[in-house]
Amino acid sequence: MHTWKQAYWLAGFELKARMKRSLLMLAFYTAVGFVCISSFDVYLTENFYAFDLLFLLLFIMFPAWMKPKIFQMQKMDGDLWTVPAVIMLQQLPVPKAVIVKSRFIIHSVYSFPYQLILLVMLLAVSPAFREMITPLSYMAFLIIWLAVSVAAGFAMAASEAGGTYDTKLLAKSMIYLVLGIAIFYAAFQWLADEGLIYWTIGLAQNWPLMSIVVSLLIIYAGWNYWQRVMKKDIEKADYL
């Protein structure tokens, strides 16, 4: 508990400096939310798969991309890639576990409020979505996508630990990652014959309680797993 109090205190300095960016992110997610919602009926009737990809970006990549540059991964000296703020935090007399938790608190603030706004907007504005879903299944749908955010999106938070990487190898790895995601998504479309969001709506409709329980377990496991990964990477990284 004391570790979390220290982490909140440490995260507070960065969060106080993000008020203008908070307004920018709110405007961005609201605008994107309206774009998503306006195309939702098309997604349901014509399998508009770009809707899936945009949703995945909003829940996985955008929270990291929307951070100020000093809190984004970038190339430092030599082949060192990391977030400058992580290097600065190493100078403070606090345990590495506190640094990790503070980064996760900050990533949560950049993720959950805006993702919840998007999910609430979908319910409030889309008649087609409201007709498909009950209060319980909507809760399941919401928790499923928060689980996606933690299980996949918080890998971005863990990556802030950085490390020494060959630039060409890093570029190749990113290309392979994008290709892997594209292949997985194409295979999913072929096997399921429906979009990812539509599939998660089906899970929420047919097995709401099971979806909630499994998603909460994924959130718990992902939250703890990515913290361990980041702490391990910080301990072995050479920031000098």
C-alpha atoms as a PDB file:
ATOM      1  CA  MET A   1       0.000   0.000   0.000  1.00  0.00           C
ATOM      2  CA  HIS A   2       2.847   2.374   0.852  1.00  0.00           C
ATOM      3  CA  THR A   3       4.399   1.605  -2.544  1.00  0.00           C
ATOM      4  CA  TRP A   4       1.213   2.677  -4.309  1.00  0.00           C
ATOM      5  CA  LYS A   5       1.038   5.898  -2.262  1.00  0.00           C
ATOM      6  CA  GLN A   6       4.576   6.730  -3.361  1.00  0.00           C
ATOM      7  CA  ALA A   7       3.671   5.880  -6.958  1.00  0.00           C
ATOM      8  CA  TYR A   8       0.630   8.195  -6.897  1.00  0.00           C
ATOM      9  CA  TRP A   9       2.795  10.974  -5.463  1.00  0.00           C
ATOM     10  CA  LEU A  10       5.397  10.440  -8.189  1.00  0.00           C
ATOM     11  CA  ALA A  11       2.806  10.288 -10.961  1.00  0.00           C
ATOM     12  CA  GLY A  12       1.144  13.439  -9.668  1.00  0.00           C
ATOM     13  CA  PHE A  13       3.941  15.677 -10.943  1.00  0.00           C
ATOM     14  CA  GLU A  14       3.416  14.557 -14.536  1.00  0.00           C
ATOM     15  CA  LEU A  15      -0.363  14.521 -14.289  1.00  0.00           C
ATOM     16  CA  LYS A  16      -0.479  18.117 -13.058  1.00  0.00           C
ATOM     17  CA  ALA A  17       1.346  19.188 -16.211  1.00  0.00           C
ATOM     18  CA  ARG A  18      -1.086  17.477 -18.600  1.00  0.00           C
ATOM     19  CA  MET A  19      -4.201  19.653 -18.265  1.00  0.00           C
ATOM     20  CA  LYS A  20      -3.928  21.159 -21.768  1.00  0.00           C
ATOM     21  CA  ARG A  21      -3.229  17.738 -23.248  1.00  0.00           C
ATOM     22  CA  SER A  22      -6.246  16.345 -21.385  1.00  0.00           C
ATOM     23  CA  LEU A  23      -8.482  18.803 -23.211  1.00  0.00           C
ATOM     24  CA  LEU A  24      -6.801  17.887 -26.499  1.00  0.00           C
ATOM     25  CA  MET A  25      -7.329  14.176 -25.865  1.00  0.00           C
ATOM     26  CA  LEU A  26     -10.945  14.745 -24.845  1.00  0.00           C
ATOM     27  CA  ALA A  27     -11.592  16.653 -28.074  1.00  0.00           C
ATOM     28  CA  PHE A  28      -9.760  13.991 -30.093  1.00  0.00           C
ATOM     29  CA  TYR A  29     -11.613  11.023 -28.603  1.00  0.00           C
ATOM     30  CA  THR A  30     -14.945  12.842 -28.884  1.00  0.00           C
ATOM     31  CA  ALA A  31     -14.334  13.586 -32.571  1.00  0.00           C
ATOM     32  CA  VAL A  32     -13.139  10.057 -33.291  1.00  0.00           C
ATOM     33  CA  GLY A  33     -16.035   8.703 -31.259  1.00  0.00           C
ATOM     34  CA  PHE A  34     -18.554  10.469 -33.472  1.00  0.00           C
ATOM     35  CA  VAL A  35     -16.764   9.175 -36.575  1.00  0.00           C
ATOM     36  CA  CYS A  36     -16.884   5.632 -35.181  1.00  0.00           C
ATOM     37  CA  ILE A  37     -20.505   5.848 -34.138  1.00  0.00           C
ATOM     38  CA  SER A  38     -21.622   7.349 -37.441  1.00  0.00           C
ATOM     39  CA  SER A  39     -20.092   4.371 -39.258  1.00  0.00           C
ATOM     40  CA  PHE A  40     -21.346   1.714 -36.815  1.00  0.00           C
ATOM     41  CA  ASP A  41     -24.484   0.897 -38.814  1.00  0.00           C
ATOM     42  CA  VAL A  42     -22.335   0.494 -41.931  1.00  0.00           C
ATOM     43  CA  TYR A  43     -20.028  -1.768 -39.925  1.00  0.00           C
ATOM     44  CA  LEU A  44     -22.948  -4.006 -38.919  1.00  0.00           C
ATOM     45  CA  THR A  45     -24.521  -4.269 -42.368  1.00  0.00           C
ATOM     46  CA  GLU A  46     -21.503  -4.232 -44.668  1.00  0.00           C
ATOM     47  CA  ASN A  47     -18.633  -5.571 -42.516  1.00  0.00           C
ATOM     48  CA  PHE A  48     -16.746  -2.269 -42.528  1.00  0.00           C
ATOM     49  CA  TYR A  49     -13.578  -3.754 -41.019  1.00  0.00           C
ATOM     50  CA  ALA A  50     -11.721  -0.450 -40.762  1.00  0.00           C
ATOM     51  CA  PHE A  51     -13.991   0.151 -37.765  1.00  0.00           C
ATOM     52  CA  ASP A  52     -12.322  -2.786 -35.979  1.00  0.00           C
ATOM     53  CA  LEU A  53      -8.839  -1.493 -36.745  1.00  0.00           C
ATOM     54  CA  LEU A  54      -9.660   2.003 -35.506  1.00  0.00           C
ATOM     55  CA  PHE A  55     -11.111   0.572 -32.300  1.00  0.00           C
ATOM     56  CA  LEU A  56      -7.974  -1.504 -31.729  1.00  0.00           C
ATOM     57  CA  LEU A  57      -5.755   1.540 -32.265  1.00  0.00           C
ATOM     58  CA  LEU A  58      -7.793   3.556 -29.764  1.00  0.00           C
ATOM     59  CA  PHE A  59      -7.533   0.849 -27.116  1.00  0.00           C
ATOM     60  CA  ILE A  60      -3.931  -0.234 -27.704  1.00  0.00           C
ATOM     61  CA  MET A  61      -1.755   2.387 -29.380  1.00  0.00           C
ATOM     62  CA  PHE A  62      -3.329   5.817 -28.996  1.00  0.00           C
ATOM     63  CA  PRO A  63      -2.836   6.223 -25.213  1.00  0.00           C
ATOM     64  CA  ALA A  64       0.932   5.957 -25.735  1.00  0.00           C
ATOM     65  CA  TRP A  65       0.924   8.148 -28.847  1.00  0.00           C
ATOM     66  CA  MET A  66      -0.995  10.933 -27.108  1.00  0.00           C
ATOM     67  CA  LYS A  67       1.590  11.406 -24.352  1.00  0.00           C
ATOM     68  CA  PRO A  68       3.997  14.383 -24.498  1.00  0.00           C
ATOM     69  CA  LYS A  69       7.242  13.623 -26.328  1.00  0.00           C
ATOM     70  CA  ILE A  70       9.292  13.437 -23.121  1.00  0.00           C
ATOM     71  CA  PHE A  71       7.061  10.553 -22.035  1.00  0.00           C
ATOM     72  CA  GLN A  72       7.289   8.657 -25.335  1.00  0.00           C
ATOM     73  CA  MET A  73       9.825   6.044 -26.394  1.00  0.00           C
ATOM     74  CA  GLN A  74      12.704   7.613 -28.304  1.00  0.00           C
ATOM     75  CA  LYS A  75      16.320   7.006 -29.265  1.00  0.00           C
ATOM     76  CA  MET A  76      18.832   8.255 -26.709  1.00  0.00           C
ATOM     77  CA  ASP A  77      22.627   7.803 -26.760  1.00  0.00           C
ATOM     78  CA  GLY A  78      23.973   5.003 -28.950  1.00  0.00           C
ATOM     79  CA  ASP A  79      21.427   2.223 -29.370  1.00  0.00           C
ATOM     80  CA  LEU A  80      19.544   3.048 -26.169  1.00  0.00           C
ATOM     81  CA  TRP A  81      15.788   3.394 -26.644  1.00  0.00           C
ATOM     82  CA  THR A  82      13.684   4.496 -23.702  1.00  0.00           C
ATOM     83  CA  VAL A  83      11.409   7.191 -22.308  1.00  0.00           C
ATOM     84  CA  PRO A  84      13.495  10.158 -21.036  1.00  0.00           C
ATOM     85  CA  ALA A  85      11.260  10.460 -17.972  1.00  0.00           C
ATOM     86  CA  VAL A  86      12.198   6.917 -16.921  1.00  0.00           C
ATOM     87  CA  ILE A  87      15.887   7.867 -16.935  1.00  0.00           C
ATOM     88  CA  MET A  88      15.152  10.948 -14.836  1.00  0.00           C
ATOM     89  CA  LEU A  89      13.154   8.902 -12.337  1.00  0.00           C
ATOM     90  CA  GLN A  90      16.158   6.599 -11.874  1.00  0.00           C
ATOM     91  CA  GLN A  91      17.919   9.500 -10.140  1.00  0.00           C
ATOM     92  CA  LEU A  92      15.331   9.622  -7.358  1.00  0.00           C
ATOM     93  CA  PRO A  93      15.797   7.596  -4.141  1.00  0.00           C
ATOM     94  CA  VAL A  94      12.722   5.443  -4.770  1.00  0.00           C
ATOM     95  CA  PRO A  95      12.426   1.699  -5.458  1.00  0.00           C
ATOM     96  CA  LYS A  96      12.060   0.560  -9.054  1.00  0.00           C
ATOM     97  CA  ALA A  97       8.674  -0.927  -8.164  1.00  0.00           C
ATOM     98  CA  VAL A  98       7.447   2.590  -7.348  1.00  0.00           C
ATOM     99  CA  ILE A  99       8.679   3.883 -10.716  1.00  0.00           C
ATOM    100  CA  VAL A 100       6.884   1.041 -12.512  1.00  0.00           C
ATOM    101  CA  LYS A 101       3.630   1.636 -10.663  1.00  0.00           C
ATOM    102  CA  SER A 102       3.805   5.380 -11.319  1.00  0.00           C
ATOM    103  CA  ARG A 103       4.175   4.725 -15.072  1.00  0.00           C
ATOM    104  CA  PHE A 104       1.156   2.414 -14.966  1.00  0.00           C
ATOM    105  CA  ILE A 105      -0.915   4.987 -13.097  1.00  0.00           C
ATOM    106  CA  ILE A 106      -0.058   7.568 -15.749  1.00  0.00           C
ATOM    107  CA  HIS A 107      -0.832   5.171 -18.608  1.00  0.00           C
ATOM    108  CA  SER A 108      -4.167   4.375 -16.934  1.00  0.00           C
ATOM    109  CA  VAL A 109      -5.055   8.074 -16.863  1.00  0.00           C
ATOM    110  CA  TYR A 110      -4.212   8.329 -20.564  1.00  0.00           C
ATOM    111  CA  SER A 111      -6.288   5.218 -21.312  1.00  0.00           C
ATOM    112  CA  PHE A 112      -9.360   4.424 -19.256  1.00  0.00           C
ATOM    113  CA  PRO A 113     -11.241   7.762 -19.019  1.00  0.00           C
ATOM    114  CA  TYR A 114     -11.170   8.332 -22.775  1.00  0.00           C
ATOM    115  CA  GLN A 115     -11.913   4.718 -23.654  1.00  0.00           C
ATOM    116  CA  LEU A 116     -14.903   4.775 -21.304  1.00  0.00           C
ATOM    117  CA  ILE A 117     -16.118   7.981 -22.969  1.00  0.00           C
ATOM    118  CA  LEU A 118     -15.950   6.220 -26.341  1.00  0.00           C
ATOM    119  CA  LEU A 119     -17.883   3.191 -25.066  1.00  0.00           C
ATOM    120  CA  VAL A 120     -20.533   5.357 -23.394  1.00  0.00           C
ATOM    121  CA  MET A 121     -20.896   7.426 -26.577  1.00  0.00           C
ATOM    122  CA  LEU A 122     -21.466   4.239 -28.552  1.00  0.00           C
ATOM    123  CA  LEU A 123     -24.363   3.330 -26.262  1.00  0.00           C
ATOM    124  CA  ALA A 124     -25.788   6.852 -26.077  1.00  0.00           C
ATOM    125  CA  VAL A 125     -25.671   7.769 -29.758  1.00  0.00           C
ATOM    126  CA  SER A 126     -26.118   4.526 -31.715  1.00  0.00           C
ATOM    127  CA  PRO A 127     -29.725   3.204 -31.837  1.00  0.00           C
ATOM    128  CA  ALA A 128     -28.520   0.049 -33.613  1.00  0.00           C
ATOM    129  CA  PHE A 129     -26.121  -0.736 -30.785  1.00  0.00           C
ATOM    130  CA  ARG A 130     -28.774  -0.114 -28.102  1.00  0.00           C
ATOM    131  CA  GLU A 131     -31.171  -2.500 -29.852  1.00  0.00           C
ATOM    132  CA  MET A 132     -28.542  -5.250 -29.808  1.00  0.00           C
ATOM    133  CA  ILE A 133     -27.571  -5.094 -26.161  1.00  0.00           C
ATOM    134  CA  THR A 134     -29.027  -5.325 -22.639  1.00  0.00           C
ATOM    135  CA  PRO A 135     -27.652  -3.548 -19.546  1.00  0.00           C
ATOM    136  CA  LEU A 136     -25.850  -6.723 -18.408  1.00  0.00           C
ATOM    137  CA  SER A 137     -24.427  -7.520 -21.837  1.00  0.00           C
ATOM    138  CA  TYR A 138     -23.329  -3.889 -22.216  1.00  0.00           C
ATOM    139  CA  MET A 139     -21.426  -4.158 -18.936  1.00  0.00           C
ATOM    140  CA  ALA A 140     -19.807  -7.340 -20.253  1.00  0.00           C
ATOM    141  CA  PHE A 141     -18.943  -5.625 -23.556  1.00  0.00           C
ATOM    142  CA  LEU A 142     -17.392  -2.681 -21.704  1.00  0.00           C
ATOM    143  CA  ILE A 143     -15.262  -4.918 -19.469  1.00  0.00           C
ATOM    144  CA  ILE A 144     -14.170  -7.045 -22.455  1.00  0.00           C
ATOM    145  CA  TRP A 145     -12.712  -3.969 -24.145  1.00  0.00           C
ATOM    146  CA  LEU A 146     -11.070  -2.726 -20.961  1.00  0.00           C
ATOM    147  CA  ALA A 147      -9.460  -6.171 -20.791  1.00  0.00           C
ATOM    148  CA  VAL A 148      -8.174  -5.641 -24.345  1.00  0.00           C
ATOM    149  CA  SER A 149      -6.751  -2.303 -23.212  1.00  0.00           C
ATOM    150  CA  VAL A 150      -4.878  -3.877 -20.294  1.00  0.00           C
ATOM    151  CA  ALA A 151      -3.799  -7.123 -21.959  1.00  0.00           C
ATOM    152  CA  ALA A 152      -2.473  -5.496 -25.140  1.00  0.00           C
ATOM    153  CA  GLY A 153      -2.350  -1.753 -24.547  1.00  0.00           C
ATOM    154  CA  PHE A 154      -0.349  -1.900 -21.340  1.00  0.00           C
ATOM    155  CA  ALA A 155       2.454  -3.582 -23.247  1.00  0.00           C
ATOM    156  CA  MET A 156       3.104  -0.031 -24.423  1.00  0.00           C
ATOM    157  CA  ALA A 157       3.472   1.103 -20.810  1.00  0.00           C
ATOM    158  CA  ALA A 158       5.838  -1.772 -20.040  1.00  0.00           C
ATOM    159  CA  SER A 159       7.950  -0.942 -23.105  1.00  0.00           C
ATOM    160  CA  GLU A 160       8.799   2.453 -21.572  1.00  0.00           C
ATOM    161  CA  ALA A 161      11.586   0.694 -19.655  1.00  0.00           C
ATOM    162  CA  GLY A 162      13.414   0.538 -22.967  1.00  0.00           C
ATOM    163  CA  GLY A 163      16.797  -1.034 -23.530  1.00  0.00           C
ATOM    164  CA  THR A 164      19.672  -1.254 -25.978  1.00  0.00           C
ATOM    165  CA  TYR A 165      18.368  -2.209 -29.418  1.00  0.00           C
ATOM    166  CA  ASP A 166      19.902  -2.174 -32.863  1.00  0.00           C
ATOM    167  CA  THR A 167      17.880   0.382 -34.837  1.00  0.00           C
ATOM    168  CA  LYS A 168      17.597  -1.785 -37.971  1.00  0.00           C
ATOM    169  CA  LEU A 169      16.590  -4.810 -35.912  1.00  0.00           C
ATOM    170  CA  LEU A 170      14.016  -2.704 -34.078  1.00  0.00           C
ATOM    171  CA  ALA A 171      12.562  -1.483 -37.387  1.00  0.00           C
ATOM    172  CA  LYS A 172      12.365  -5.056 -38.698  1.00  0.00           C
ATOM    173  CA  SER A 173      10.677  -6.174 -35.481  1.00  0.00           C
ATOM    174  CA  MET A 174       8.037  -3.466 -35.869  1.00  0.00           C
ATOM    175  CA  ILE A 175       7.409  -4.524 -39.470  1.00  0.00           C
ATOM    176  CA  TYR A 176       7.066  -8.155 -38.407  1.00  0.00           C
ATOM    177  CA  LEU A 177       4.714  -7.113 -35.610  1.00  0.00           C
ATOM    178  CA  VAL A 178       2.466  -5.186 -38.001  1.00  0.00           C
ATOM    179  CA  LEU A 179       2.478  -8.078 -40.473  1.00  0.00           C
ATOM    180  CA  GLY A 180       1.706 -10.523 -37.675  1.00  0.00           C
ATOM    181  CA  ILE A 181      -1.255  -8.453 -36.515  1.00  0.00           C
ATOM    182  CA  ALA A 182      -2.516  -8.135 -40.096  1.00  0.00           C
ATOM    183  CA  ILE A 183      -2.250 -11.897 -40.662  1.00  0.00           C
ATOM    184  CA  PHE A 184      -3.974 -12.637 -37.340  1.00  0.00           C
ATOM    185  CA  TYR A 185      -6.796 -10.226 -38.146  1.00  0.00           C
ATOM    186  CA  ALA A 186      -7.235 -11.643 -41.660  1.00  0.00           C
ATOM    187  CA  ALA A 187      -7.318 -15.190 -40.248  1.00  0.00           C
ATOM    188  CA  PHE A 188      -9.855 -14.117 -37.628  1.00  0.00           C
ATOM    189  CA  GLN A 189     -12.108 -12.600 -40.307  1.00  0.00           C
ATOM    190  CA  TRP A 190     -11.855 -15.769 -42.376  1.00  0.00           C
ATOM    191  CA  LEU A 191     -12.628 -18.101 -39.458  1.00  0.00           C
ATOM    192  CA  ALA A 192     -15.260 -16.024 -37.656  1.00  0.00           C
ATOM    193  CA  ASP A 193     -16.783 -14.424 -40.765  1.00  0.00           C
ATOM    194  CA  GLU A 194     -17.564 -11.288 -38.740  1.00  0.00           C
ATOM    195  CA  GLY A 195     -15.808  -8.252 -37.321  1.00  0.00           C
ATOM    196  CA  LEU A 196     -13.972  -8.287 -34.008  1.00  0.00           C
ATOM    197  CA  ILE A 197     -16.311  -5.791 -32.335  1.00  0.00           C
ATOM    198  CA  TYR A 198     -19.352  -7.692 -33.582  1.00  0.00           C
ATOM    199  CA  TRP A 199     -17.812 -10.880 -32.205  1.00  0.00           C
ATOM    200  CA  THR A 200     -17.266  -9.310 -28.764  1.00  0.00           C
ATOM    201  CA  ILE A 201     -20.870  -8.075 -28.809  1.00  0.00           C
ATOM    202  CA  GLY A 202     -21.890 -11.693 -29.419  1.00  0.00           C
ATOM    203  CA  LEU A 203     -19.802 -12.853 -26.458  1.00  0.00           C
ATOM    204  CA  ALA A 204     -21.402 -10.207 -24.256  1.00  0.00           C
ATOM    205  CA  GLN A 205     -24.909 -11.150 -25.440  1.00  0.00           C
ATOM    206  CA  ASN A 206     -24.602 -14.922 -25.151  1.00  0.00           C
ATOM    207  CA  TRP A 207     -22.310 -15.320 -22.137  1.00  0.00           C
ATOM    208  CA  PRO A 208     -22.396 -12.032 -20.195  1.00  0.00           C
ATOM    209  CA  LEU A 209     -21.444 -13.367 -16.765  1.00  0.00           C
ATOM    210  CA  MET A 210     -18.697 -15.619 -18.104  1.00  0.00           C
ATOM    211  CA  SER A 211     -17.379 -12.754 -20.251  1.00  0.00           C
ATOM    212  CA  ILE A 212     -17.246 -10.462 -17.212  1.00  0.00           C
ATOM    213  CA  VAL A 213     -15.429 -13.016 -15.047  1.00  0.00           C
ATOM    214  CA  VAL A 214     -12.911 -13.986 -17.733  1.00  0.00           C
ATOM    215  CA  SER A 215     -12.279 -10.342 -18.663  1.00  0.00           C
ATOM    216  CA  LEU A 216     -11.697  -9.371 -15.022  1.00  0.00           C
ATOM    217  CA  LEU A 217      -9.196 -12.231 -14.707  1.00  0.00           C
ATOM    218  CA  ILE A 218      -7.444 -11.011 -17.868  1.00  0.00           C
ATOM    219  CA  ILE A 219      -7.326  -7.472 -16.456  1.00  0.00           C
ATOM    220  CA  TYR A 220      -5.815  -8.727 -13.194  1.00  0.00           C
ATOM    221  CA  ALA A 221      -3.287 -10.968 -14.942  1.00  0.00           C
ATOM    222  CA  GLY A 222      -2.312  -8.358 -17.543  1.00  0.00           C
ATOM    223  CA  TRP A 223      -1.968  -5.575 -14.971  1.00  0.00           C
ATOM    224  CA  ASN A 224       0.453  -7.635 -12.866  1.00  0.00           C
ATOM    225  CA  TYR A 225       2.273  -9.324 -15.748  1.00  0.00           C
ATOM    226  CA  TRP A 226       3.213  -6.113 -17.556  1.00  0.00           C
ATOM    227  CA  GLN A 227       4.424  -4.555 -14.304  1.00  0.00           C
ATOM    228  CA  ARG A 228       6.765  -7.502 -13.755  1.00  0.00           C
ATOM    229  CA  VAL A 229       7.994  -7.221 -17.338  1.00  0.00           C
ATOM    230  CA  MET A 230       8.743  -3.509 -16.970  1.00  0.00           C
ATOM    231  CA  LYS A 231      10.496  -3.939 -13.619  1.00  0.00           C
ATOM    232  CA  LYS A 232      12.663  -6.723 -15.060  1.00  0.00           C
ATOM    233  CA  ASP A 233      13.552  -4.616 -18.115  1.00  0.00           C
ATOM    234  CA  ILE A 234      14.479  -1.606 -15.951  1.00  0.00           C
ATOM    235  CA  GLU A 235      16.760  -3.761 -13.820  1.00  0.00           C
ATOM    236  CA  LYS A 236      18.681  -5.116 -16.814  1.00  0.00           C
ATOM    237  CA  ALA A 237      18.741  -1.925 -18.932  1.00  0.00           C
ATOM    238  CA  ASP A 238      21.971   0.078 -19.162  1.00  0.00           C
ATOM    239  CA  TYR A 239      20.935   3.739 -18.990  1.00  0.00           C
ATOM    240  CA  LEU A 240      24.490   5.065 -18.638  1.00  0.00           C
END
